[in-house]
Amino acid sequence: MEKLIVGNVKFIRPVVEKLVDIHYVVVREGRDILKHRYFILDYGEFDTPVDELVKKLGEEDIKLLVVDETVLVDFGDEDIQKHLDTKIFYDSQWLKKYSPPEEGFENWLVEFVDQLILANKGKC
């Protein structure tokens, strides 16, 4: 008789989810308003395009959109999290009022988003 030793392995199907965290700015009555919404996508919804999620926000004329995605695989006794690339979409005409520099624009935009979402607690 043959023998196979596999150690402490649980043969269960892992739970795979994706957290899509969206911060976005809309203009209402001349004021910039920062909003936030997140979606938890299960395995069947995993590849839902960002455009489809943006439609679910029910907003028109979004000026700035920050999409942050994290994938979670839960094996029951162990979790693995993987942060995916953060995507920033912006209306360049709207952004001009914040005087972005031409040189070093990408770094400025990342710092701008960081200040807007984290440091200023959502105050535009």
C-alpha atoms as a PDB file:
ATOM      1  CA  MET A   1       0.000   0.000   0.000  1.00  0.00           C
ATOM      2  CA  GLU A   2       1.258   3.514  -0.898  1.00  0.00           C
ATOM      3  CA  LYS A   3       1.331   6.316   1.635  1.00  0.00           C
ATOM      4  CA  LEU A   4       0.972  10.097   1.160  1.00  0.00           C
ATOM      5  CA  ILE A   5       1.503  12.544   4.005  1.00  0.00           C
ATOM      6  CA  VAL A   6       0.040  15.975   3.314  1.00  0.00           C
ATOM      7  CA  GLY A   7       0.406  17.705   6.659  1.00  0.00           C
ATOM      8  CA  ASN A   8      -2.198  20.090   8.011  1.00  0.00           C
ATOM      9  CA  VAL A   9      -4.106  20.762   4.787  1.00  0.00           C
ATOM     10  CA  LYS A  10      -7.801  21.502   4.685  1.00  0.00           C
ATOM     11  CA  PHE A  11      -9.458  20.642   1.412  1.00  0.00           C
ATOM     12  CA  ILE A  12     -12.020  23.401   1.151  1.00  0.00           C
ATOM     13  CA  ARG A  13     -12.899  25.778  -1.624  1.00  0.00           C
ATOM     14  CA  PRO A  14     -11.464  29.212  -0.840  1.00  0.00           C
ATOM     15  CA  VAL A  15     -13.658  32.302  -0.721  1.00  0.00           C
ATOM     16  CA  VAL A  16     -12.465  34.885  -3.227  1.00  0.00           C
ATOM     17  CA  GLU A  17     -13.675  38.478  -2.949  1.00  0.00           C
ATOM     18  CA  LYS A  18     -12.605  41.829  -4.279  1.00  0.00           C
ATOM     19  CA  LEU A  19     -13.138  45.078  -2.380  1.00  0.00           C
ATOM     20  CA  VAL A  20     -13.466  48.023  -4.748  1.00  0.00           C
ATOM     21  CA  ASP A  21     -13.156  51.269  -2.784  1.00  0.00           C
ATOM     22  CA  ILE A  22     -14.229  54.336  -4.790  1.00  0.00           C
ATOM     23  CA  HIS A  23     -13.784  57.997  -3.808  1.00  0.00           C
ATOM     24  CA  TYR A  24     -15.129  60.549  -6.247  1.00  0.00           C
ATOM     25  CA  VAL A  25     -15.763  64.284  -6.563  1.00  0.00           C
ATOM     26  CA  VAL A  26     -18.889  65.807  -8.068  1.00  0.00           C
ATOM     27  CA  VAL A  27     -19.794  69.488  -8.386  1.00  0.00           C
ATOM     28  CA  ARG A  28     -23.109  70.575  -6.864  1.00  0.00           C
ATOM     29  CA  GLU A  29     -24.192  74.224  -6.835  1.00  0.00           C
ATOM     30  CA  GLY A  30     -20.629  75.344  -7.511  1.00  0.00           C
ATOM     31  CA  ARG A  31     -19.137  73.296  -4.652  1.00  0.00           C
ATOM     32  CA  ASP A  32     -16.852  70.294  -4.946  1.00  0.00           C
ATOM     33  CA  ILE A  33     -18.277  67.392  -2.965  1.00  0.00           C
ATOM     34  CA  LEU A  34     -16.233  64.303  -2.140  1.00  0.00           C
ATOM     35  CA  LYS A  35     -18.230  61.085  -1.951  1.00  0.00           C
ATOM     36  CA  HIS A  36     -17.281  57.525  -1.084  1.00  0.00           C
ATOM     37  CA  ARG A  37     -18.712  54.119  -1.889  1.00  0.00           C
ATOM     38  CA  TYR A  38     -17.378  50.601  -1.884  1.00  0.00           C
ATOM     39  CA  PHE A  39     -18.393  47.358  -3.519  1.00  0.00           C
ATOM     40  CA  ILE A  40     -17.639  43.829  -2.366  1.00  0.00           C
ATOM     41  CA  LEU A  41     -17.536  41.584  -5.407  1.00  0.00           C
ATOM     42  CA  ASP A  42     -17.756  37.816  -5.094  1.00  0.00           C
ATOM     43  CA  TYR A  43     -16.031  35.364  -7.418  1.00  0.00           C
ATOM     44  CA  GLY A  44     -18.750  35.639 -10.066  1.00  0.00           C
ATOM     45  CA  GLU A  45     -18.551  39.442 -10.140  1.00  0.00           C
ATOM     46  CA  PHE A  46     -14.767  39.591  -9.831  1.00  0.00           C
ATOM     47  CA  ASP A  47     -14.097  40.914 -13.335  1.00  0.00           C
ATOM     48  CA  THR A  48     -16.803  43.610 -13.304  1.00  0.00           C
ATOM     49  CA  PRO A  49     -15.412  46.580 -15.259  1.00  0.00           C
ATOM     50  CA  VAL A  50     -14.855  49.876 -13.444  1.00  0.00           C
ATOM     51  CA  ASP A  51     -17.220  51.622 -15.893  1.00  0.00           C
ATOM     52  CA  GLU A  52     -20.062  49.358 -14.776  1.00  0.00           C
ATOM     53  CA  LEU A  53     -19.393  50.105 -11.098  1.00  0.00           C
ATOM     54  CA  VAL A  54     -19.286  53.845 -11.849  1.00  0.00           C
ATOM     55  CA  LYS A  55     -22.746  53.568 -13.439  1.00  0.00           C
ATOM     56  CA  LYS A  56     -23.988  52.011 -10.181  1.00  0.00           C
ATOM     57  CA  LEU A  57     -22.912  55.184  -8.354  1.00  0.00           C
ATOM     58  CA  GLY A  58     -25.782  56.977 -10.080  1.00  0.00           C
ATOM     59  CA  GLU A  59     -23.791  60.189 -10.458  1.00  0.00           C
ATOM     60  CA  GLU A  60     -23.293  62.364 -13.498  1.00  0.00           C
ATOM     61  CA  ASP A  61     -20.343  64.570 -14.327  1.00  0.00           C
ATOM     62  CA  ILE A  62     -17.783  63.050 -11.966  1.00  0.00           C
ATOM     63  CA  LYS A  63     -14.680  65.260 -11.872  1.00  0.00           C
ATOM     64  CA  LEU A  64     -12.273  62.989  -9.992  1.00  0.00           C
ATOM     65  CA  LEU A  65     -12.499  59.248  -9.475  1.00  0.00           C
ATOM     66  CA  VAL A  66     -10.107  57.164  -7.368  1.00  0.00           C
ATOM     67  CA  VAL A  67     -10.526  53.391  -7.591  1.00  0.00           C
ATOM     68  CA  ASP A  68      -8.659  51.253  -5.077  1.00  0.00           C
ATOM     69  CA  GLU A  69      -8.977  47.458  -5.331  1.00  0.00           C
ATOM     70  CA  THR A  70      -8.010  44.748  -2.852  1.00  0.00           C
ATOM     71  CA  VAL A  71      -8.415  41.023  -3.470  1.00  0.00           C
ATOM     72  CA  LEU A  72      -9.056  38.691  -0.538  1.00  0.00           C
ATOM     73  CA  VAL A  73      -8.667  34.917  -0.685  1.00  0.00           C
ATOM     74  CA  ASP A  74      -9.937  33.181   2.457  1.00  0.00           C
ATOM     75  CA  PHE A  75      -8.871  29.555   2.881  1.00  0.00           C
ATOM     76  CA  GLY A  76     -10.694  29.173   6.190  1.00  0.00           C
ATOM     77  CA  ASP A  77      -7.629  29.123   8.411  1.00  0.00           C
ATOM     78  CA  GLU A  78      -5.561  31.619   6.429  1.00  0.00           C
ATOM     79  CA  ASP A  79      -6.300  34.856   4.542  1.00  0.00           C
ATOM     80  CA  ILE A  80      -4.291  36.335   1.722  1.00  0.00           C
ATOM     81  CA  GLN A  81      -4.816  39.968   0.709  1.00  0.00           C
ATOM     82  CA  LYS A  82      -3.379  41.546  -2.407  1.00  0.00           C
ATOM     83  CA  HIS A  83      -3.685  45.262  -3.089  1.00  0.00           C
ATOM     84  CA  LEU A  84      -4.030  46.009  -6.800  1.00  0.00           C
ATOM     85  CA  ASP A  85      -3.027  49.210  -8.586  1.00  0.00           C
ATOM     86  CA  THR A  86      -4.907  52.356  -7.635  1.00  0.00           C
ATOM     87  CA  LYS A  87      -6.497  54.050 -10.633  1.00  0.00           C
ATOM     88  CA  ILE A  88      -7.067  57.820 -10.759  1.00  0.00           C
ATOM     89  CA  PHE A  89      -9.393  59.304 -13.372  1.00  0.00           C
ATOM     90  CA  TYR A  90      -9.754  63.079 -13.597  1.00  0.00           C
ATOM     91  CA  ASP A  91     -11.293  65.899 -15.605  1.00  0.00           C
ATOM     92  CA  SER A  92      -8.287  67.985 -16.643  1.00  0.00           C
ATOM     93  CA  GLN A  93     -10.375  71.176 -17.052  1.00  0.00           C
ATOM     94  CA  TRP A  94     -11.774  70.850 -13.519  1.00  0.00           C
ATOM     95  CA  LEU A  95      -8.351  70.073 -12.096  1.00  0.00           C
ATOM     96  CA  LYS A  96      -6.853  73.300 -13.522  1.00  0.00           C
ATOM     97  CA  LYS A  97      -8.460  75.340 -10.730  1.00  0.00           C
ATOM     98  CA  TYR A  98      -6.085  73.617  -8.293  1.00  0.00           C
ATOM     99  CA  SER A  99      -3.068  74.837 -10.324  1.00  0.00           C
ATOM    100  CA  PRO A 100      -1.315  71.547 -11.034  1.00  0.00           C
ATOM    101  CA  PRO A 101       2.279  71.876 -12.219  1.00  0.00           C
ATOM    102  CA  GLU A 102       3.175  70.672 -15.690  1.00  0.00           C
ATOM    103  CA  GLU A 103       6.443  69.202 -14.484  1.00  0.00           C
ATOM    104  CA  GLY A 104       5.991  66.445 -11.920  1.00  0.00           C
ATOM    105  CA  PHE A 105       2.227  66.299 -12.556  1.00  0.00           C
ATOM    106  CA  GLU A 106       1.866  62.604 -11.680  1.00  0.00           C
ATOM    107  CA  ASN A 107       3.485  63.051  -8.262  1.00  0.00           C
ATOM    108  CA  TRP A 108       1.418  66.178  -7.631  1.00  0.00           C
ATOM    109  CA  LEU A 109      -1.804  64.318  -8.516  1.00  0.00           C
ATOM    110  CA  VAL A 110      -1.002  61.455  -6.144  1.00  0.00           C
ATOM    111  CA  GLU A 111      -0.270  63.938  -3.329  1.00  0.00           C
ATOM    112  CA  PHE A 112      -3.448  65.894  -4.169  1.00  0.00           C
ATOM    113  CA  VAL A 113      -5.574  62.734  -3.935  1.00  0.00           C
ATOM    114  CA  ASP A 114      -3.821  61.702  -0.716  1.00  0.00           C
ATOM    115  CA  GLN A 115      -4.493  65.097   0.870  1.00  0.00           C
ATOM    116  CA  LEU A 116      -8.092  65.151  -0.338  1.00  0.00           C
ATOM    117  CA  ILE A 117      -9.055  61.667   0.833  1.00  0.00           C
ATOM    118  CA  LEU A 118      -6.848  61.048   3.856  1.00  0.00           C
ATOM    119  CA  ALA A 119      -5.420  64.246   5.313  1.00  0.00           C
ATOM    120  CA  ASN A 120      -8.394  66.577   4.889  1.00  0.00           C
ATOM    121  CA  LYS A 121     -10.967  63.923   5.772  1.00  0.00           C
ATOM    122  CA  GLY A 122     -12.902  64.552   2.552  1.00  0.00           C
ATOM    123  CA  LYS A 123     -13.136  68.335   2.639  1.00  0.00           C
ATOM    124  CA  CYS A 124     -12.719  69.699  -0.862  1.00  0.00           C
END
